[in-house]
């Protein structure tokens, strides 16, 4: 790997900040202490910043080099929210907040972007244009990127770049793919209304639990029989509850789940079919049912030009042989997608797997950990991509 000297000099800072955030996790929209610490670090090097919503932090560095013609603007994004789960591993930087854990790598993303901001601030005399830093809240619930977009922070932006840790790649590898990469995420809630009765006289009631169970089975036909086999879709129900007592016909039942797709037309067709099945199954069985569908995240589709640029940058850092151009698409959602309708951008995955314990564990696992050497690659990608996009080689 050809890690720049300016990045190597930030290694202790990156590791220290990552471990601080890891030990002090905060969940979506409650990243209060996280945002304060980010602001403190930005203040130390004189980078101007402001809040986006209650917990997001926006910062920028404007290059002082003079050039002819219009200068460019590039945005760099890192998410910073943790998960509501226990940190099971035992190490010096384990979570100090019981029930909360950075089990998705956002602590590393935040530390890396802070270091990149420090580096680019130190280089402000060497480039023209503007670098915007998005320390974004609430990625896990798909409510962060939209706040930055709604605040007008993508106006005039020529490129936006984001990245994510992955234990499916070794340290020194980078997954870069144009086109669809992450699926959309729609949340749905189904409420079934029946009629209560004694369980010994079911004919006098309408069993909402039974109706809900038939809906669970019926929606499986959407992917199996209503979706083109050449396309990808997921309809999953992860939560269900009903009834009040063992001997009472359930009067109400609730189901919650998600729809994941890559293409807008598949997404629309899937949600329409889901709605039809819910309403008609309930009607057929004498109940009433309603469904609410919420758009949590759009599909992430990398721009071809921005992705090509990222490959050129990565090649200089890790070599062409370590760029994984067939990195698999994921049905997991990523709200970086909500920036892409506003400007060209790309999202890549950088490897954090090694023989270090925990680096083989999947995201959202209580033993999850990363090899922090991978963060050096990520920091270098932030810095070099920003300079490349601004026209500074």
Protein backbone atom coordinates (compact mmCIF):
# COMPACT_ATOMS: atom_id res chain seq x y z
CA UNK A 1 0.00 0.00 0.00
CA UNK A 2 1.15 3.52 -0.77
CA UNK A 3 -0.29 5.45 2.16
CA UNK A 4 0.57 9.15 2.04
CA UNK A 5 2.87 10.50 4.73
CA UNK A 6 0.25 13.01 5.86
CA UNK A 7 -2.12 10.10 6.57
CA UNK A 8 0.50 8.01 8.35
CA UNK A 9 1.18 10.98 10.61
CA UNK A 10 -2.52 10.88 11.61
CA UNK A 11 -2.54 7.17 12.51
CA UNK A 12 -2.43 7.61 16.30
CA UNK A 13 -5.11 10.30 16.04
CA UNK A 14 -7.37 8.10 13.90
CA UNK A 15 -7.02 5.10 16.22
CA UNK A 16 -7.49 7.22 19.33
CA UNK A 17 -10.60 8.94 18.03
CA UNK A 18 -12.08 5.69 16.73
CA UNK A 19 -11.62 4.08 20.13
CA UNK A 20 -13.11 7.08 21.89
CA UNK A 21 -16.25 6.93 19.75
CA UNK A 22 -16.38 3.15 20.12
CA UNK A 23 -16.35 3.45 23.89
CA UNK A 24 -19.05 6.15 23.87
CA UNK A 25 -21.71 4.99 21.37
CA UNK A 26 -24.96 6.85 20.83
CA UNK A 27 -27.92 5.75 18.73
CA UNK A 28 -29.67 7.55 15.89
CA UNK A 29 -30.79 11.12 16.54
CA UNK A 30 -29.25 10.98 20.04
CA UNK A 31 -25.61 11.47 19.01
CA UNK A 32 -25.36 14.50 21.30
CA UNK A 33 -21.96 13.89 22.91
CA UNK A 34 -20.60 12.53 19.64
CA UNK A 35 -21.41 15.76 17.81
CA UNK A 36 -19.95 17.88 20.61
CA UNK A 37 -16.67 15.94 20.43
CA UNK A 38 -16.58 16.33 16.65
CA UNK A 39 -17.05 20.08 17.01
CA UNK A 40 -14.28 20.24 19.61
CA UNK A 41 -11.89 18.47 17.24
CA UNK A 42 -12.80 20.79 14.37
CA UNK A 43 -12.29 23.83 16.60
CA UNK A 44 -8.75 22.68 17.43
CA UNK A 45 -7.68 23.16 13.80
CA UNK A 46 -9.86 26.15 12.99
CA UNK A 47 -12.44 24.48 10.75
CA UNK A 48 -15.78 26.26 10.61
CA UNK A 49 -18.84 24.14 11.32
CA UNK A 50 -22.53 24.23 12.06
CA UNK A 51 -25.27 21.84 13.18
CA UNK A 52 -27.62 20.01 10.86
CA UNK A 53 -30.68 19.07 12.84
CA UNK A 54 -29.89 18.43 16.50
CA UNK A 55 -26.91 16.14 16.09
CA UNK A 56 -25.50 16.33 12.55
CA UNK A 57 -22.34 18.38 12.00
CA UNK A 58 -21.47 20.15 8.76
CA UNK A 59 -17.99 21.59 8.23
CA UNK A 60 -16.06 22.96 5.30
CA UNK A 61 -12.59 23.94 4.18
CA UNK A 62 -12.20 26.43 1.33
CA UNK A 63 -8.98 26.22 -0.66
CA UNK A 64 -6.97 29.42 -0.94
CA UNK A 65 -5.24 28.69 -4.24
CA UNK A 66 -6.28 31.00 -7.05
CA UNK A 67 -7.21 29.52 -10.42
CA UNK A 68 -8.99 30.75 -13.52
CA UNK A 69 -12.58 29.74 -14.07
CA UNK A 70 -15.17 28.14 -11.81
CA UNK A 71 -13.89 26.15 -8.85
CA UNK A 72 -15.44 22.87 -7.77
CA UNK A 73 -17.08 21.59 -4.61
CA UNK A 74 -16.73 18.05 -3.26
CA UNK A 75 -18.52 16.59 -0.24
CA UNK A 76 -17.18 13.81 1.99
CA UNK A 77 -19.59 11.93 4.22
CA UNK A 78 -19.25 9.79 7.36
CA UNK A 79 -22.11 8.40 9.43
CA UNK A 80 -21.73 8.39 13.20
CA UNK A 81 -24.65 6.63 14.90
CA UNK A 82 -24.34 3.39 16.87
CA UNK A 83 -26.74 0.51 17.51
CA UNK A 84 -29.03 -0.32 20.42
CA UNK A 85 -27.31 -3.58 21.37
CA UNK A 86 -24.70 -4.83 23.82
CA UNK A 87 -20.97 -4.74 23.12
CA UNK A 88 -19.97 -8.28 24.07
CA UNK A 89 -16.25 -8.13 23.40
CA UNK A 90 -13.86 -7.33 26.23
CA UNK A 91 -11.17 -4.82 25.31
CA UNK A 92 -9.85 -1.45 26.43
CA UNK A 93 -12.27 0.43 24.19
CA UNK A 94 -15.42 -1.63 24.83
CA UNK A 95 -18.65 0.34 25.11
CA UNK A 96 -19.08 2.24 28.35
CA UNK A 97 -22.77 2.74 27.58
CA UNK A 98 -24.64 -0.51 28.37
CA UNK A 99 -27.07 -1.47 25.66
CA UNK A 100 -25.29 0.54 22.96
CA UNK A 101 -22.54 -0.54 20.61
CA UNK A 102 -20.66 0.59 17.52
CA UNK A 103 -21.13 -2.73 15.76
CA UNK A 104 -21.25 -1.30 12.24
CA UNK A 105 -18.02 0.67 11.99
CA UNK A 106 -19.45 4.18 12.08
CA UNK A 107 -16.95 5.06 14.81
CA UNK A 108 -14.18 4.37 12.30
CA UNK A 109 -15.92 6.40 9.61
CA UNK A 110 -16.18 9.43 11.90
CA UNK A 111 -12.58 9.23 13.09
CA UNK A 112 -11.35 8.86 9.53
CA UNK A 113 -13.27 11.90 8.27
CA UNK A 114 -12.00 13.99 11.18
CA UNK A 115 -8.44 13.09 10.23
CA UNK A 116 -9.13 13.86 6.56
CA UNK A 117 -10.53 17.25 7.55
CA UNK A 118 -7.37 18.01 9.53
CA UNK A 119 -5.18 17.04 6.58
CA UNK A 120 -7.16 19.04 4.03
CA UNK A 121 -7.19 22.06 6.34
CA UNK A 122 -3.39 21.87 6.47
CA UNK A 123 -3.34 21.80 2.66
CA UNK A 124 -5.77 24.68 2.07
CA UNK A 125 -3.07 26.78 0.36
CA UNK A 126 -2.47 23.99 -2.17
CA UNK A 127 -5.92 23.62 -3.74
CA UNK A 128 -8.76 25.69 -5.13
CA UNK A 129 -12.39 24.95 -4.46
CA UNK A 130 -14.29 23.75 -1.43
CA UNK A 131 -14.45 20.53 0.58
CA UNK A 132 -17.61 19.93 2.61
CA UNK A 133 -17.63 17.42 5.46
CA UNK A 134 -20.87 15.69 6.41
CA UNK A 135 -20.75 14.12 9.87
CA UNK A 136 -24.13 12.54 9.43
CA UNK A 137 -26.53 11.33 12.07
CA UNK A 138 -29.18 8.60 11.95
CA UNK A 139 -27.98 6.43 9.07
CA UNK A 140 -29.29 3.32 10.82
CA UNK A 141 -32.86 4.61 10.59
CA UNK A 142 -32.54 6.40 7.26
CA UNK A 143 -33.18 9.89 8.65
CA UNK A 144 -29.81 11.59 8.41
CA UNK A 145 -28.91 12.16 4.77
CA UNK A 146 -32.25 13.77 4.06
CA UNK A 147 -31.61 16.40 6.73
CA UNK A 148 -28.35 17.41 5.03
CA UNK A 149 -30.04 17.52 1.64
CA UNK A 150 -33.00 19.51 2.99
CA UNK A 151 -30.57 22.03 4.48
CA UNK A 152 -29.32 22.81 0.96
CA UNK A 153 -25.82 21.53 1.64
CA UNK A 154 -25.63 19.74 -1.71
CA UNK A 155 -26.22 22.92 -3.70
CA UNK A 156 -23.33 23.41 -6.09
CA UNK A 157 -21.67 20.12 -5.13
CA UNK A 158 -19.92 18.46 -8.07
CA UNK A 159 -19.15 15.15 -6.33
CA UNK A 160 -20.03 13.39 -3.09
CA UNK A 161 -18.00 10.48 -1.77
CA UNK A 162 -18.76 8.00 1.03
CA UNK A 163 -17.38 4.69 2.25
CA UNK A 164 -18.00 1.86 4.70
CA UNK A 165 -15.98 -0.75 6.53
CA UNK A 166 -16.44 -4.39 5.53
CA UNK A 167 -15.04 -7.61 6.93
CA UNK A 168 -15.68 -9.34 3.61
CA UNK A 169 -12.48 -7.70 2.34
CA UNK A 170 -9.01 -7.82 3.84
CA UNK A 171 -7.15 -4.72 4.94
CA UNK A 172 -5.75 -3.12 1.80
CA UNK A 173 -8.65 -4.14 -0.44
CA UNK A 174 -11.34 -1.75 -1.70
CA UNK A 175 -14.66 -2.67 -3.30
CA UNK A 176 -15.64 -0.21 -6.03
CA UNK A 177 -18.63 -0.85 -8.30
CA UNK A 178 -20.64 1.39 -10.61
CA UNK A 179 -24.41 1.09 -10.74
CA UNK A 180 -26.71 -0.53 -8.14
CA UNK A 181 -24.91 -1.38 -4.89
CA UNK A 182 -27.37 -1.24 -1.98
CA UNK A 183 -31.08 -1.85 -1.99
CA UNK A 184 -33.87 0.50 -1.05
CA UNK A 185 -35.50 0.08 2.35
CA UNK A 186 -39.20 0.48 2.92
CA UNK A 187 -40.70 -0.11 6.37
CA UNK A 188 -44.27 -1.35 6.60
CA UNK A 189 -46.75 -1.77 9.44
CA UNK A 190 -49.90 -3.86 9.01
CA UNK A 191 -52.78 -3.58 11.46
CA UNK A 192 -55.47 -6.27 11.37
CA UNK A 193 -58.81 -5.66 13.10
CA UNK A 194 -60.98 -8.66 13.93
CA UNK A 195 -63.66 -9.41 16.52
CA UNK A 196 -63.03 -10.81 19.98
CA UNK A 197 -64.77 -13.89 21.34
CA UNK A 198 -64.16 -16.82 23.68
CA UNK A 199 -61.73 -19.20 22.06
CA UNK A 200 -64.24 -22.05 22.57
CA UNK A 201 -66.68 -20.19 20.29
CA UNK A 202 -64.48 -18.97 17.42
CA UNK A 203 -67.46 -18.74 15.06
CA UNK A 204 -68.69 -15.73 17.06
CA UNK A 205 -65.51 -13.80 16.47
CA UNK A 206 -63.01 -12.94 13.72
CA UNK A 207 -59.52 -14.11 14.65
CA UNK A 208 -57.08 -11.31 13.81
CA UNK A 209 -54.16 -13.57 14.67
CA UNK A 210 -55.27 -16.17 12.14
CA UNK A 211 -55.79 -13.50 9.49
CA UNK A 212 -52.34 -12.05 10.18
CA UNK A 213 -50.77 -15.50 9.87
CA UNK A 214 -52.40 -15.95 6.46
CA UNK A 215 -51.00 -12.58 5.39
CA UNK A 216 -47.52 -13.68 6.48
CA UNK A 217 -47.79 -16.75 4.29
CA UNK A 218 -49.42 -14.95 1.35
CA UNK A 219 -46.82 -12.21 1.04
CA UNK A 220 -44.17 -14.83 0.33
CA UNK A 221 -45.77 -15.21 -3.08
CA UNK A 222 -44.64 -11.70 -4.05
CA UNK A 223 -41.03 -12.71 -4.55
CA UNK A 224 -41.77 -16.31 -5.50
CA UNK A 225 -44.50 -15.65 -8.05
CA UNK A 226 -44.91 -11.92 -8.76
CA UNK A 227 -41.30 -10.81 -9.28
CA UNK A 228 -39.17 -11.34 -12.36
CA UNK A 229 -36.66 -14.08 -11.41
CA UNK A 230 -33.92 -11.94 -12.97
CA UNK A 231 -34.61 -9.13 -10.48
CA UNK A 232 -33.99 -8.95 -6.73
CA UNK A 233 -36.52 -8.29 -4.01
CA UNK A 234 -37.03 -9.09 -0.34
CA UNK A 235 -40.29 -8.94 1.60
CA UNK A 236 -39.56 -9.77 5.22
CA UNK A 237 -41.72 -9.62 8.32
CA UNK A 238 -39.60 -9.33 11.43
CA UNK A 239 -42.13 -8.50 14.13
CA UNK A 240 -45.62 -9.76 14.98
CA UNK A 241 -47.89 -9.56 17.96
CA UNK A 242 -51.56 -10.20 18.68
CA UNK A 243 -54.14 -10.98 21.32
CA UNK A 244 -54.49 -10.47 25.05
CA UNK A 245 -55.16 -13.90 26.62
CA UNK A 246 -54.67 -17.55 25.72
CA UNK A 247 -58.42 -18.21 25.70
CA UNK A 248 -59.61 -15.15 23.77
CA UNK A 249 -59.92 -14.87 20.00
CA UNK A 250 -57.49 -12.11 19.10
CA UNK A 251 -59.25 -8.90 18.17
CA UNK A 252 -56.12 -7.15 16.89
CA UNK A 253 -52.84 -8.14 15.31
CA UNK A 254 -49.87 -6.11 14.09
CA UNK A 255 -47.10 -7.04 11.68
CA UNK A 256 -43.97 -5.02 10.89
CA UNK A 257 -41.48 -5.68 8.15
CA UNK A 258 -39.47 -4.38 5.26
CA UNK A 259 -39.32 -4.39 1.46
CA UNK A 260 -35.90 -4.25 -0.25
CA UNK A 261 -35.36 -3.78 -4.01
CA UNK A 262 -32.83 -2.23 -6.41
CA UNK A 263 -35.03 -0.88 -9.20
CA UNK A 264 -37.76 1.77 -8.77
CA UNK A 265 -40.24 -0.16 -10.90
CA UNK A 266 -39.70 -3.35 -8.87
CA UNK A 267 -40.09 -1.36 -5.67
CA UNK A 268 -43.39 0.15 -6.82
CA UNK A 269 -44.78 -3.17 -8.03
CA UNK A 270 -43.75 -4.98 -4.83
CA UNK A 271 -45.36 -2.42 -2.53
CA UNK A 272 -48.52 -2.37 -4.63
CA UNK A 273 -48.78 -6.17 -4.54
CA UNK A 274 -48.11 -6.18 -0.79
CA UNK A 275 -50.96 -3.73 -0.22
CA UNK A 276 -53.34 -5.79 -2.34
CA UNK A 277 -52.54 -9.02 -0.50
CA UNK A 278 -52.99 -7.42 2.93
CA UNK A 279 -56.33 -5.82 2.14
CA UNK A 280 -57.86 -8.68 0.15
CA UNK A 281 -56.72 -11.46 2.49
CA UNK A 282 -58.31 -9.66 5.43
CA UNK A 283 -61.48 -8.97 3.47
CA UNK A 284 -61.76 -12.61 2.40
CA UNK A 285 -61.54 -13.75 6.02
CA UNK A 286 -63.98 -11.18 7.40
CA UNK A 287 -61.48 -8.79 8.95
CA UNK A 288 -60.23 -5.31 8.18
CA UNK A 289 -56.60 -4.53 7.56
CA UNK A 290 -54.60 -1.40 6.85
CA UNK A 291 -50.99 -0.96 5.82
CA UNK A 292 -48.62 2.01 6.15
CA UNK A 293 -45.43 1.98 4.06
CA UNK A 294 -42.58 4.39 4.84
CA UNK A 295 -39.61 5.12 2.61
CA UNK A 296 -36.54 4.71 4.84
CA UNK A 297 -33.95 4.76 2.06
CA UNK A 298 -33.73 4.82 -1.72
CA UNK A 299 -31.59 2.33 -3.67
CA UNK A 300 -27.93 3.30 -3.79
CA UNK A 301 -26.83 3.53 -7.43
CA UNK A 302 -23.25 4.69 -7.93
CA UNK A 303 -22.58 7.20 -10.70
CA UNK A 304 -20.30 5.82 -13.42
CA UNK A 305 -18.06 8.91 -13.65
CA UNK A 306 -17.58 9.28 -9.91
CA UNK A 307 -16.90 5.57 -9.58
CA UNK A 308 -14.29 5.66 -12.31
CA UNK A 309 -12.57 8.49 -10.48
CA UNK A 310 -12.60 6.51 -7.22
CA UNK A 311 -10.95 3.57 -8.98
CA UNK A 312 -8.16 5.79 -10.30
CA UNK A 313 -7.58 7.16 -6.80
CA UNK A 314 -7.66 3.71 -5.17
CA UNK A 315 -5.24 2.33 -7.72
CA UNK A 316 -2.61 4.79 -6.53
CA UNK A 317 -3.14 3.74 -2.91
CA UNK A 318 -3.71 -0.03 -2.92
CA UNK A 319 -2.88 -1.04 -6.50
CA UNK A 320 -5.22 -2.26 -9.22
CA UNK A 321 -4.92 -5.86 -8.00
CA UNK A 322 -6.59 -4.90 -4.69
CA UNK A 323 -9.59 -3.17 -6.21
CA UNK A 324 -12.59 -5.52 -6.16
CA UNK A 325 -14.74 -4.50 -9.12
CA UNK A 326 -17.22 -7.35 -8.67
CA UNK A 327 -18.04 -6.53 -5.06
CA UNK A 328 -21.50 -8.04 -4.55
CA UNK A 329 -24.66 -5.98 -4.31
CA UNK A 330 -26.32 -5.98 -0.90
CA UNK A 331 -29.95 -5.99 0.15
CA UNK A 332 -28.91 -3.90 3.15
CA UNK A 333 -29.87 -0.26 2.79
CA UNK A 334 -27.55 2.74 3.01
CA UNK A 335 -28.99 6.25 3.21
CA UNK A 336 -26.01 7.71 1.33
CA UNK A 337 -28.38 6.92 -1.54
CA UNK A 338 -30.42 9.99 -0.64
CA UNK A 339 -27.55 12.29 -1.67
CA UNK A 340 -27.27 10.88 -5.18
CA UNK A 341 -30.38 12.46 -6.74
CA UNK A 342 -28.74 15.83 -6.01
CA UNK A 343 -25.24 15.31 -7.41
CA UNK A 344 -22.91 12.71 -8.83
CA UNK A 345 -21.32 10.46 -6.26
CA UNK A 346 -20.01 7.05 -5.35
CA UNK A 347 -19.89 4.82 -2.29
CA UNK A 348 -17.15 2.25 -1.75
CA UNK A 349 -16.29 -0.47 0.76
CA UNK A 350 -12.85 -0.78 2.33
CA UNK A 351 -11.51 -3.92 3.98
CA UNK A 352 -11.00 -4.20 7.74
CA UNK A 353 -10.57 -7.97 8.05
CA UNK A 354 -7.36 -9.53 9.37
CA UNK A 355 -6.29 -12.05 11.98
CA UNK A 356 -7.27 -9.59 14.71
CA UNK A 357 -10.11 -11.04 16.86
CA UNK A 358 -13.55 -9.79 15.94
CA UNK A 359 -12.67 -8.67 12.42
CA UNK A 360 -14.34 -11.79 11.04
CA UNK A 361 -17.64 -11.01 12.76
CA UNK A 362 -20.47 -9.55 10.67
CA UNK A 363 -21.91 -6.07 11.17
CA UNK A 364 -24.49 -5.81 13.96
CA UNK A 365 -22.77 -8.58 15.96
CA UNK A 366 -21.80 -7.96 19.58
CA UNK A 367 -18.24 -9.16 18.95
CA UNK A 368 -17.78 -6.97 15.86
CA UNK A 369 -14.43 -5.21 15.57
CA UNK A 370 -12.16 -3.83 12.85
CA UNK A 371 -8.47 -3.81 12.06
CA UNK A 372 -7.70 -0.12 12.31
CA UNK A 373 -4.99 -0.37 9.64
CA UNK A 374 -7.88 -0.34 7.19
CA UNK A 375 -8.79 3.16 8.35
CA UNK A 376 -5.53 4.46 6.88
CA UNK A 377 -6.70 3.37 3.44
CA UNK A 378 -10.07 5.02 4.05
CA UNK A 379 -8.50 8.28 5.20
CA UNK A 380 -6.22 8.32 2.18
CA UNK A 381 -9.23 7.71 -0.08
CA UNK A 382 -11.07 10.66 1.49
CA UNK A 383 -8.13 13.00 0.99
CA UNK A 384 -7.07 11.90 -2.46
CA UNK A 385 -10.60 11.68 -3.84
CA UNK A 386 -11.35 15.21 -2.63
CA UNK A 387 -8.21 16.59 -4.28
CA UNK A 388 -8.85 14.64 -7.49
CA UNK A 389 -12.46 15.83 -7.70
CA UNK A 390 -11.30 19.41 -7.19
CA UNK A 391 -8.86 19.04 -10.03
CA UNK A 392 -5.75 18.85 -7.83
CA UNK A 393 -3.80 15.70 -8.71
